[in-house]
Each structure stands twice: as structure tokens, then as C-alpha cells.
Amino acid sequence: MIIKTSLFDNISLVVIVANSVVMVFDTEVPPPPFFVLADNIFLILYTIEATLKIIGLGFIIGDGAYIKDPWNILDFSIVAISYAAMSGPSEDSGAGTVPG
């Protein structure tokens, strides 16, 4: 099972560290296109990781189910919130601004 290999763990750690380094330099509002692209790539990688773990461990049922690990709950929450934020109004849509 791929999710139980040290290669999978090492790749996951490299993605986390790379994402952290990118976030350190992502300080402009709105972010430059590179950082938007990087965020999307990291979200895809985290989605792949979560999907592989859910397939390999099961989501809820079973002793080692995905959702029974607090770190996986955190990961799943971050991925879900990221997709929810992408589907909401954009910052330049004018939502929530007062006319006048």
C-alpha cells in the first residue's frame, strides 16, 4: 500500500515544507499570479494525498480509518475549507462592499 511507504511520507513532508516556504514569501494583496498558481498546485497535491489515504484506509469504518486520525481530520478540514473558499465570492467581485 503506497500510503504506508517512506517515499509517500517523504514526498508529503517535502510538499508541506515547500508550501510553508512559499507562504512565507506570499505577502502581497492581491497575490501575484505565481502565488495563486502555487496555492492551486499545493491544493491539488494535498487533495491527491487525502484521496489516496481515504482509498487506502477507508473514510470512517475500520480501526485505522482516515477520519480517526487527528492529523487526517486537520488535513481534510484544510482541503475542504480551501475548496469552499474557492467557490465563494472573489475578492474583486465587490461582495460585501457598501455602495457610495
PDB file of N, CA and C in Angstrom:
ATOM      1  N   MET A   1       0.856  -1.177   0.000  1.00  0.00           N
ATOM      2  CA  MET A   1       0.000   0.000   0.000  1.00  0.00           C
ATOM      3  C   MET A   1       0.899   1.236   0.000  1.00  0.00           C
ATOM      4  N   ILE A   2       0.719   2.077  -0.990  1.00  0.00           N
ATOM      5  CA  ILE A   2       1.601   3.227  -1.204  1.00  0.00           C
ATOM      6  C   ILE A   2       1.611   4.200  -0.025  1.00  0.00           C
ATOM      7  N   ILE A   3       0.492   4.355   0.659  1.00  0.00           N
ATOM      8  CA  ILE A   3       0.423   5.343   1.737  1.00  0.00           C
ATOM      9  C   ILE A   3       1.207   4.925   2.969  1.00  0.00           C
ATOM     10  N   LYS A   4       1.633   3.685   3.021  1.00  0.00           N
ATOM     11  CA  LYS A   4       2.400   3.188   4.165  1.00  0.00           C
ATOM     12  C   LYS A   4       3.903   3.167   3.884  1.00  0.00           C
ATOM     13  N   THR A   5       4.335   3.736   2.759  1.00  0.00           N
ATOM     14  CA  THR A   5       5.746   3.720   2.402  1.00  0.00           C
ATOM     15  C   THR A   5       6.455   4.978   2.892  1.00  0.00           C
ATOM     16  N   SER A   6       7.754   4.859   3.087  1.00  0.00           N
ATOM     17  CA  SER A   6       8.527   6.030   3.497  1.00  0.00           C
ATOM     18  C   SER A   6       8.606   7.050   2.352  1.00  0.00           C
ATOM     19  N   LEU A   7       8.550   6.581   1.102  1.00  0.00           N
ATOM     20  CA  LEU A   7       8.554   7.505  -0.033  1.00  0.00           C
ATOM     21  C   LEU A   7       7.333   8.424   0.018  1.00  0.00           C
ATOM     22  N   PHE A   8       6.163   7.858   0.280  1.00  0.00           N
ATOM     23  CA  PHE A   8       4.934   8.654   0.383  1.00  0.00           C
ATOM     24  C   PHE A   8       5.067   9.680   1.509  1.00  0.00           C
ATOM     25  N   ASP A   9       5.567   9.243   2.666  1.00  0.00           N
ATOM     26  CA  ASP A   9       5.752  10.158   3.801  1.00  0.00           C
ATOM     27  C   ASP A   9       6.742  11.265   3.461  1.00  0.00           C
ATOM     28  N   ASN A  10       7.847  10.898   2.796  1.00  0.00           N
ATOM     29  CA  ASN A  10       8.855  11.900   2.452  1.00  0.00           C
ATOM     30  C   ASN A  10       8.334  12.918   1.444  1.00  0.00           C
ATOM     31  N   ILE A  11       7.597  12.451   0.456  1.00  0.00           N
ATOM     32  CA  ILE A  11       7.012  13.375  -0.522  1.00  0.00           C
ATOM     33  C   ILE A  11       6.025  14.309   0.170  1.00  0.00           C
ATOM     34  N   SER A  12       5.218  13.762   1.062  1.00  0.00           N
ATOM     35  CA  SER A  12       4.257  14.592   1.806  1.00  0.00           C
ATOM     36  C   SER A  12       4.981  15.668   2.615  1.00  0.00           C
ATOM     37  N   LEU A  13       6.072  15.295   3.261  1.00  0.00           N
ATOM     38  CA  LEU A  13       6.831  16.272   4.053  1.00  0.00           C
ATOM     39  C   LEU A  13       7.472  17.341   3.171  1.00  0.00           C
ATOM     40  N   VAL A  14       7.983  16.955   2.018  1.00  0.00           N
ATOM     41  CA  VAL A  14       8.579  17.925   1.090  1.00  0.00           C
ATOM     42  C   VAL A  14       7.516  18.920   0.618  1.00  0.00           C
ATOM     43  N   VAL A  15       6.316  18.430   0.324  1.00  0.00           N
ATOM     44  CA  VAL A  15       5.231  19.314  -0.114  1.00  0.00           C
ATOM     45  C   VAL A  15       4.869  20.293   1.010  1.00  0.00           C
ATOM     46  N   ILE A  16       4.799  19.805   2.236  1.00  0.00           N
ATOM     47  CA  ILE A  16       4.467  20.676   3.375  1.00  0.00           C
ATOM     48  C   ILE A  16       5.537  21.748   3.564  1.00  0.00           C
ATOM     49  N   VAL A  17       6.800  21.360   3.504  1.00  0.00           N
ATOM     50  CA  VAL A  17       7.888  22.325   3.677  1.00  0.00           C
ATOM     51  C   VAL A  17       7.887  23.337   2.527  1.00  0.00           C
ATOM     52  N   ALA A  18       7.728  22.861   1.296  1.00  0.00           N
ATOM     53  CA  ALA A  18       7.689  23.770   0.144  1.00  0.00           C
ATOM     54  C   ALA A  18       6.526  24.743   0.259  1.00  0.00           C
ATOM     55  N   ASN A  19       5.374  24.259   0.671  1.00  0.00           N
ATOM     56  CA  ASN A  19       4.211  25.117   0.847  1.00  0.00           C
ATOM     57  C   ASN A  19       4.484  26.166   1.924  1.00  0.00           C
ATOM     58  N   SER A  20       5.122  25.763   3.004  1.00  0.00           N
ATOM     59  CA  SER A  20       5.449  26.701   4.086  1.00  0.00           C
ATOM     60  C   SER A  20       6.395  27.792   3.599  1.00  0.00           C
ATOM     61  N   VAL A  21       7.402  27.409   2.808  1.00  0.00           N
ATOM     62  CA  VAL A  21       8.355  28.394   2.278  1.00  0.00           C
ATOM     63  C   VAL A  21       7.644  29.368   1.354  1.00  0.00           C
ATOM     64  N   VAL A  22       6.778  28.872   0.499  1.00  0.00           N
ATOM     65  CA  VAL A  22       6.028  29.752  -0.406  1.00  0.00           C
ATOM     66  C   VAL A  22       5.146  30.710   0.393  1.00  0.00           C
ATOM     67  N   MET A  23       4.513  30.216   1.450  1.00  0.00           N
ATOM     68  CA  MET A  23       3.634  31.075   2.255  1.00  0.00           C
ATOM     69  C   MET A  23       4.405  32.195   2.942  1.00  0.00           C
ATOM     70  N   VAL A  24       5.659  31.954   3.290  1.00  0.00           N
ATOM     71  CA  VAL A  24       6.484  32.985   3.922  1.00  0.00           C
ATOM     72  C   VAL A  24       6.655  34.185   2.990  1.00  0.00           C
ATOM     73  N   PHE A  25       6.787  33.919   1.694  1.00  0.00           N
ATOM     74  CA  PHE A  25       7.029  34.989   0.732  1.00  0.00           C
ATOM     75  C   PHE A  25       5.754  35.543   0.098  1.00  0.00           C
ATOM     76  N   ASP A  26       4.633  34.918   0.369  1.00  0.00           N
ATOM     77  CA  ASP A  26       3.347  35.340  -0.204  1.00  0.00           C
ATOM     78  C   ASP A  26       2.721  36.391   0.708  1.00  0.00           C
ATOM     79  N   THR A  27       3.162  37.642   0.560  1.00  0.00           N
ATOM     80  CA  THR A  27       2.712  38.705   1.462  1.00  0.00           C
ATOM     81  C   THR A  27       1.900  39.797   0.774  1.00  0.00           C
ATOM     82  N   GLU A  28       1.872  39.809  -0.545  1.00  0.00           N
ATOM     83  CA  GLU A  28       1.170  40.867  -1.264  1.00  0.00           C
ATOM     84  C   GLU A  28      -0.324  40.569  -1.360  1.00  0.00           C
ATOM     85  N   VAL A  29      -1.126  41.639  -1.324  1.00  0.00           N
ATOM     86  CA  VAL A  29      -2.571  41.508  -1.522  1.00  0.00           C
ATOM     87  C   VAL A  29      -2.962  42.435  -2.651  1.00  0.00           C
ATOM     88  N   PRO A  30      -3.540  41.929  -3.715  1.00  0.00           N
ATOM     89  CA  PRO A  30      -3.751  40.524  -4.044  1.00  0.00           C
ATOM     90  C   PRO A  30      -2.429  39.852  -4.399  1.00  0.00           C
ATOM     91  N   PRO A  31      -2.361  38.537  -4.232  1.00  0.00           N
ATOM     92  CA  PRO A  31      -1.098  37.845  -4.508  1.00  0.00           C
ATOM     93  C   PRO A  31      -0.774  37.836  -5.997  1.00  0.00           C
ATOM     94  N   PRO A  32       0.514  37.883  -6.329  1.00  0.00           N
ATOM     95  CA  PRO A  32       0.924  37.775  -7.736  1.00  0.00           C
ATOM     96  C   PRO A  32       0.503  36.424  -8.317  1.00  0.00           C
ATOM     97  N   PRO A  33       0.406  36.325  -9.636  1.00  0.00           N
ATOM     98  CA  PRO A  33      -0.046  35.087 -10.284  1.00  0.00           C
ATOM     99  C   PRO A  33       0.745  33.845  -9.880  1.00  0.00           C
ATOM    100  N   PHE A  34       2.060  33.985  -9.644  1.00  0.00           N
ATOM    101  CA  PHE A  34       2.853  32.823  -9.240  1.00  0.00           C
ATOM    102  C   PHE A  34       2.319  32.197  -7.965  1.00  0.00           C
ATOM    103  N   PHE A  35       1.959  33.032  -6.995  1.00  0.00           N
ATOM    104  CA  PHE A  35       1.494  32.506  -5.711  1.00  0.00           C
ATOM    105  C   PHE A  35       0.102  31.895  -5.826  1.00  0.00           C
ATOM    106  N   VAL A  36      -0.734  32.447  -6.683  1.00  0.00           N
ATOM    107  CA  VAL A  36      -2.050  31.860  -6.933  1.00  0.00           C
ATOM    108  C   VAL A  36      -1.870  30.468  -7.551  1.00  0.00           C
ATOM    109  N   LEU A  37      -0.981  30.365  -8.529  1.00  0.00           N
ATOM    110  CA  LEU A  37      -0.692  29.079  -9.166  1.00  0.00           C
ATOM    111  C   LEU A  37      -0.107  28.096  -8.152  1.00  0.00           C
ATOM    112  N   ALA A  38       0.829  28.556  -7.350  1.00  0.00           N
ATOM    113  CA  ALA A  38       1.442  27.689  -6.339  1.00  0.00           C
ATOM    114  C   ALA A  38       0.390  27.176  -5.352  1.00  0.00           C
ATOM    115  N   ASP A  39      -0.504  28.055  -4.905  1.00  0.00           N
ATOM    116  CA  ASP A  39      -1.572  27.632  -3.993  1.00  0.00           C
ATOM    117  C   ASP A  39      -2.434  26.549  -4.623  1.00  0.00           C
ATOM    118  N   ASN A  40      -2.761  26.724  -5.892  1.00  0.00           N
ATOM    119  CA  ASN A  40      -3.591  25.726  -6.586  1.00  0.00           C
ATOM    120  C   ASN A  40      -2.854  24.387  -6.724  1.00  0.00           C
ATOM    121  N   ILE A  41      -1.567  24.448  -7.018  1.00  0.00           N
ATOM    122  CA  ILE A  41      -0.778  23.216  -7.135  1.00  0.00           C
ATOM    123  C   ILE A  41      -0.707  22.503  -5.790  1.00  0.00           C
ATOM    124  N   PHE A  42      -0.461  23.245  -4.729  1.00  0.00           N
ATOM    125  CA  PHE A  42      -0.403  22.619  -3.406  1.00  0.00           C
ATOM    126  C   PHE A  42      -1.760  22.025  -3.022  1.00  0.00           C
ATOM    127  N   LEU A  43      -2.839  22.710  -3.351  1.00  0.00           N
ATOM    128  CA  LEU A  43      -4.165  22.166  -3.061  1.00  0.00           C
ATOM    129  C   LEU A  43      -4.394  20.857  -3.816  1.00  0.00           C
ATOM    130  N   ILE A  44      -3.965  20.798  -5.055  1.00  0.00           N
ATOM    131  CA  ILE A  44      -4.095  19.555  -5.833  1.00  0.00           C
ATOM    132  C   ILE A  44      -3.279  18.438  -5.179  1.00  0.00           C
ATOM    133  N   LEU A  45      -2.054  18.750  -4.763  1.00  0.00           N
ATOM    134  CA  LEU A  45      -1.208  17.736  -4.125  1.00  0.00           C
ATOM    135  C   LEU A  45      -1.810  17.254  -2.809  1.00  0.00           C
ATOM    136  N   TYR A  46      -2.347  18.172  -2.012  1.00  0.00           N
ATOM    137  CA  TYR A  46      -2.986  17.779  -0.753  1.00  0.00           C
ATOM    138  C   TYR A  46      -4.254  16.961  -1.012  1.00  0.00           C
ATOM    139  N   THR A  47      -4.970  17.289  -2.070  1.00  0.00           N
ATOM    140  CA  THR A  47      -6.169  16.531  -2.431  1.00  0.00           C
ATOM    141  C   THR A  47      -5.795  15.106  -2.837  1.00  0.00           C
ATOM    142  N   ILE A  48      -4.721  14.975  -3.609  1.00  0.00           N
ATOM    143  CA  ILE A  48      -4.257  13.644  -4.007  1.00  0.00           C
ATOM    144  C   ILE A  48      -3.850  12.839  -2.772  1.00  0.00           C
ATOM    145  N   GLU A  49      -3.127  13.470  -1.860  1.00  0.00           N
ATOM    146  CA  GLU A  49      -2.719  12.780  -0.634  1.00  0.00           C
ATOM    147  C   GLU A  49      -3.936  12.301   0.154  1.00  0.00           C
ATOM    148  N   ALA A  50      -4.902  13.188   0.359  1.00  0.00           N
ATOM    149  CA  ALA A  50      -6.100  12.819   1.116  1.00  0.00           C
ATOM    150  C   ALA A  50      -6.879  11.715   0.412  1.00  0.00           C
ATOM    151  N   THR A  51      -7.004  11.815  -0.896  1.00  0.00           N
ATOM    152  CA  THR A  51      -7.741  10.806  -1.662  1.00  0.00           C
ATOM    153  C   THR A  51      -7.074   9.438  -1.554  1.00  0.00           C
ATOM    154  N   LEU A  52      -5.761   9.398  -1.700  1.00  0.00           N
ATOM    155  CA  LEU A  52      -5.042   8.126  -1.581  1.00  0.00           C
ATOM    156  C   LEU A  52      -5.209   7.521  -0.186  1.00  0.00           C
ATOM    157  N   LYS A  53      -5.139   8.374   0.834  1.00  0.00           N
ATOM    158  CA  LYS A  53      -5.311   7.873   2.195  1.00  0.00           C
ATOM    159  C   LYS A  53      -6.731   7.375   2.435  1.00  0.00           C
ATOM    160  N   ILE A  54      -7.722   8.091   1.917  1.00  0.00           N
ATOM    161  CA  ILE A  54      -9.118   7.669   2.090  1.00  0.00           C
ATOM    162  C   ILE A  54      -9.356   6.345   1.386  1.00  0.00           C
ATOM    163  N   ILE A  55      -8.814   6.195   0.186  1.00  0.00           N
ATOM    164  CA  ILE A  55      -8.966   4.934  -0.547  1.00  0.00           C
ATOM    165  C   ILE A  55      -8.249   3.802   0.190  1.00  0.00           C
ATOM    166  N   GLY A  56      -7.047   4.072   0.678  1.00  0.00           N
ATOM    167  CA  GLY A  56      -6.253   3.036   1.330  1.00  0.00           C
ATOM    168  C   GLY A  56      -6.729   2.661   2.722  1.00  0.00           C
ATOM    169  N   LEU A  57      -7.244   3.628   3.471  1.00  0.00           N
ATOM    170  CA  LEU A  57      -7.619   3.379   4.860  1.00  0.00           C
ATOM    171  C   LEU A  57      -9.123   3.242   5.077  1.00  0.00           C
ATOM    172  N   GLY A  58      -9.908   3.691   4.119  1.00  0.00           N
ATOM    173  CA  GLY A  58     -11.342   3.822   4.349  1.00  0.00           C
ATOM    174  C   GLY A  58     -11.584   5.168   5.015  1.00  0.00           C
ATOM    175  N   PHE A  59     -12.755   5.719   4.817  1.00  0.00           N
ATOM    176  CA  PHE A  59     -13.003   7.064   5.349  1.00  0.00           C
ATOM    177  C   PHE A  59     -13.399   7.043   6.814  1.00  0.00           C
ATOM    178  N   ILE A  60     -14.416   6.223   7.161  1.00  0.00           N
ATOM    179  CA  ILE A  60     -14.933   6.217   8.528  1.00  0.00           C
ATOM    180  C   ILE A  60     -14.833   4.848   9.187  1.00  0.00           C
ATOM    181  N   ILE A  61     -15.169   3.815   8.437  1.00  0.00           N
ATOM    182  CA  ILE A  61     -15.302   2.478   9.010  1.00  0.00           C
ATOM    183  C   ILE A  61     -13.952   1.775   9.055  1.00  0.00           C
ATOM    184  N   GLY A  62     -13.666   1.140  10.187  1.00  0.00           N
ATOM    185  CA  GLY A  62     -12.429   0.390  10.361  1.00  0.00           C
ATOM    186  C   GLY A  62     -11.570   0.989  11.460  1.00  0.00           C
ATOM    187  N   ASP A  63     -10.688   0.163  11.991  1.00  0.00           N
ATOM    188  CA  ASP A  63      -9.843   0.616  13.100  1.00  0.00           C
ATOM    189  C   ASP A  63      -8.891   1.739  12.691  1.00  0.00           C
ATOM    190  N   GLY A  64      -8.318   1.647  11.507  1.00  0.00           N
ATOM    191  CA  GLY A  64      -7.361   2.653  11.066  1.00  0.00           C
ATOM    192  C   GLY A  64      -7.948   3.625  10.067  1.00  0.00           C
ATOM    193  N   ALA A  65      -9.252   3.851  10.124  1.00  0.00           N
ATOM    194  CA  ALA A  65      -9.926   4.712   9.149  1.00  0.00           C
ATOM    195  C   ALA A  65      -9.329   6.118   9.142  1.00  0.00           C
ATOM    196  N   TYR A  66      -9.361   6.730   7.979  1.00  0.00           N
ATOM    197  CA  TYR A  66      -8.780   8.049   7.735  1.00  0.00           C
ATOM    198  C   TYR A  66      -9.230   9.077   8.769  1.00  0.00           C
ATOM    199  N   ILE A  67     -10.504   9.150   9.004  1.00  0.00           N
ATOM    200  CA  ILE A  67     -11.060  10.216   9.841  1.00  0.00           C
ATOM    201  C   ILE A  67     -10.823   9.984  11.336  1.00  0.00           C
ATOM    202  N   LYS A  68     -10.241   8.850  11.698  1.00  0.00           N
ATOM    203  CA  LYS A  68      -9.972   8.566  13.108  1.00  0.00           C
ATOM    204  C   LYS A  68      -8.612   9.081  13.561  1.00  0.00           C
ATOM    205  N   ASP A  69      -7.832   9.617  12.652  1.00  0.00           N
ATOM    206  CA  ASP A  69      -6.525  10.191  12.978  1.00  0.00           C
ATOM    207  C   ASP A  69      -6.669  11.712  13.037  1.00  0.00           C
ATOM    208  N   PRO A  70      -6.321  12.337  14.169  1.00  0.00           N
ATOM    209  CA  PRO A  70      -6.482  13.794  14.287  1.00  0.00           C
ATOM    210  C   PRO A  70      -5.746  14.588  13.196  1.00  0.00           C
ATOM    211  N   TRP A  71      -4.572  14.124  12.755  1.00  0.00           N
ATOM    212  CA  TRP A  71      -3.852  14.826  11.694  1.00  0.00           C
ATOM    213  C   TRP A  71      -4.618  14.759  10.385  1.00  0.00           C
ATOM    214  N   ASN A  72      -5.244  13.624  10.117  1.00  0.00           N
ATOM    215  CA  ASN A  72      -6.037  13.500   8.895  1.00  0.00           C
ATOM    216  C   ASN A  72      -7.285  14.375   8.958  1.00  0.00           C
ATOM    217  N   ILE A  73      -7.865  14.499  10.138  1.00  0.00           N
ATOM    218  CA  ILE A  73      -9.022  15.396  10.304  1.00  0.00           C
ATOM    219  C   ILE A  73      -8.599  16.827   9.965  1.00  0.00           C
ATOM    220  N   LEU A  74      -7.428  17.224  10.470  1.00  0.00           N
ATOM    221  CA  LEU A  74      -6.908  18.562  10.177  1.00  0.00           C
ATOM    222  C   LEU A  74      -6.673  18.728   8.678  1.00  0.00           C
ATOM    223  N   ASP A  75      -5.996  17.756   8.068  1.00  0.00           N
ATOM    224  CA  ASP A  75      -5.727  17.819   6.630  1.00  0.00           C
ATOM    225  C   ASP A  75      -7.017  17.911   5.820  1.00  0.00           C
ATOM    226  N   PHE A  76      -7.980  17.048   6.143  1.00  0.00           N
ATOM    227  CA  PHE A  76      -9.252  17.024   5.420  1.00  0.00           C
ATOM    228  C   PHE A  76      -9.984  18.352   5.578  1.00  0.00           C
ATOM    229  N   SER A  77      -9.959  18.901   6.786  1.00  0.00           N
ATOM    230  CA  SER A  77     -10.623  20.187   7.041  1.00  0.00           C
ATOM    231  C   SER A  77     -10.005  21.305   6.213  1.00  0.00           C
ATOM    232  N   ILE A  78      -8.676  21.327   6.149  1.00  0.00           N
ATOM    233  CA  ILE A  78      -7.992  22.367   5.380  1.00  0.00           C
ATOM    234  C   ILE A  78      -8.315  22.249   3.896  1.00  0.00           C
ATOM    235  N   VAL A  79      -8.305  21.023   3.370  1.00  0.00           N
ATOM    236  CA  VAL A  79      -8.633  20.826   1.958  1.00  0.00           C
ATOM    237  C   VAL A  79     -10.079  21.241   1.680  1.00  0.00           C
ATOM    238  N   ALA A  80     -11.006  20.813   2.537  1.00  0.00           N
ATOM    239  CA  ALA A  80     -12.421  21.153   2.344  1.00  0.00           C
ATOM    240  C   ALA A  80     -12.646  22.662   2.427  1.00  0.00           C
ATOM    241  N   ILE A  81     -12.018  23.312   3.393  1.00  0.00           N
ATOM    242  CA  ILE A  81     -12.166  24.766   3.545  1.00  0.00           C
ATOM    243  C   ILE A  81     -11.567  25.495   2.347  1.00  0.00           C
ATOM    244  N   SER A  82     -10.455  24.977   1.827  1.00  0.00           N
ATOM    245  CA  SER A  82      -9.823  25.595   0.653  1.00  0.00           C
ATOM    246  C   SER A  82     -10.747  25.556  -0.558  1.00  0.00           C
ATOM    247  N   TYR A  83     -11.398  24.400  -0.763  1.00  0.00           N
ATOM    248  CA  TYR A  83     -12.339  24.306  -1.888  1.00  0.00           C
ATOM    249  C   TYR A  83     -13.560  25.187  -1.653  1.00  0.00           C
ATOM    250  N   ALA A  84     -14.031  25.273  -0.420  1.00  0.00           N
ATOM    251  CA  ALA A  84     -15.173  26.133  -0.114  1.00  0.00           C
ATOM    252  C   ALA A  84     -14.816  27.598  -0.369  1.00  0.00           C
ATOM    253  N   ALA A  85     -13.612  27.984   0.004  1.00  0.00           N
ATOM    254  CA  ALA A  85     -13.181  29.370  -0.215  1.00  0.00           C
ATOM    255  C   ALA A  85     -13.070  29.683  -1.711  1.00  0.00           C
ATOM    256  N   MET A  86     -12.647  28.695  -2.497  1.00  0.00           N
ATOM    257  CA  MET A  86     -12.535  28.906  -3.946  1.00  0.00           C
ATOM    258  C   MET A  86     -13.905  29.079  -4.596  1.00  0.00           C
ATOM    259  N   SER A  87     -14.915  28.460  -4.019  1.00  0.00           N
ATOM    260  CA  SER A  87     -16.243  28.524  -4.625  1.00  0.00           C
ATOM    261  C   SER A  87     -17.035  29.747  -4.172  1.00  0.00           C
ATOM    262  N   GLY A  88     -16.518  30.488  -3.195  1.00  0.00           N
ATOM    263  CA  GLY A  88     -17.189  31.680  -2.701  1.00  0.00           C
ATOM    264  C   GLY A  88     -16.916  32.878  -3.590  1.00  0.00           C
ATOM    265  N   PRO A  89     -17.430  34.042  -3.196  1.00  0.00           N
ATOM    266  CA  PRO A  89     -17.198  35.240  -3.999  1.00  0.00           C
ATOM    267  C   PRO A  89     -15.709  35.606  -4.014  1.00  0.00           C
ATOM    268  N   SER A  90     -15.238  36.115  -5.137  1.00  0.00           N
ATOM    269  CA  SER A  90     -13.838  36.521  -5.242  1.00  0.00           C
ATOM    270  C   SER A  90     -13.655  37.871  -4.576  1.00  0.00           C
ATOM    271  N   GLU A  91     -12.417  38.195  -4.269  1.00  0.00           N
ATOM    272  CA  GLU A  91     -12.126  39.456  -3.588  1.00  0.00           C
ATOM    273  C   GLU A  91     -12.456  40.665  -4.441  1.00  0.00           C
ATOM    274  N   ASP A  92     -12.417  40.517  -5.757  1.00  0.00           N
ATOM    275  CA  ASP A  92     -12.678  41.653  -6.621  1.00  0.00           C
ATOM    276  C   ASP A  92     -14.125  41.716  -7.109  1.00  0.00           C
ATOM    277  N   SER A  93     -15.010  40.890  -6.539  1.00  0.00           N
ATOM    278  CA  SER A  93     -16.398  40.861  -7.008  1.00  0.00           C
ATOM    279  C   SER A  93     -17.228  41.982  -6.411  1.00  0.00           C
ATOM    280  N   GLY A  94     -16.690  42.650  -5.393  1.00  0.00           N
ATOM    281  CA  GLY A  94     -17.438  43.728  -4.769  1.00  0.00           C
ATOM    282  C   GLY A  94     -18.424  43.237  -3.723  1.00  0.00           C
ATOM    283  N   ALA A  95     -18.443  41.950  -3.461  1.00  0.00           N
ATOM    284  CA  ALA A  95     -19.367  41.401  -2.445  1.00  0.00           C
ATOM    285  C   ALA A  95     -19.006  41.983  -1.082  1.00  0.00           C
ATOM    286  N   GLY A  96     -20.004  42.429  -0.374  1.00  0.00           N
ATOM    287  CA  GLY A  96     -19.805  42.951   0.964  1.00  0.00           C
ATOM    288  C   GLY A  96     -19.366  44.404   1.004  1.00  0.00           C
ATOM    289  N   THR A  97     -19.301  45.058  -0.128  1.00  0.00           N
ATOM    290  CA  THR A  97     -18.908  46.474  -0.110  1.00  0.00           C
ATOM    291  C   THR A  97     -20.161  47.339  -0.060  1.00  0.00           C
ATOM    292  N   VAL A  98     -20.001  48.472   0.541  1.00  0.00           N
ATOM    293  CA  VAL A  98     -21.107  49.412   0.660  1.00  0.00           C
ATOM    294  C   VAL A  98     -21.023  50.404  -0.502  1.00  0.00           C
ATOM    295  N   PRO A  99     -22.109  50.520  -1.294  1.00  0.00           N
ATOM    296  CA  PRO A  99     -22.059  51.469  -2.412  1.00  0.00           C
ATOM    297  C   PRO A  99     -22.018  52.903  -1.907  1.00  0.00           C
ATOM    298  N   GLY A 100     -21.385  53.746  -2.689  1.00  0.00           N
ATOM    299  CA  GLY A 100     -21.440  55.155  -2.343  1.00  0.00           C
ATOM    300  C   GLY A 100     -20.127  55.719  -2.216  1.00  0.00           C
TER     301      GLY A 100
END
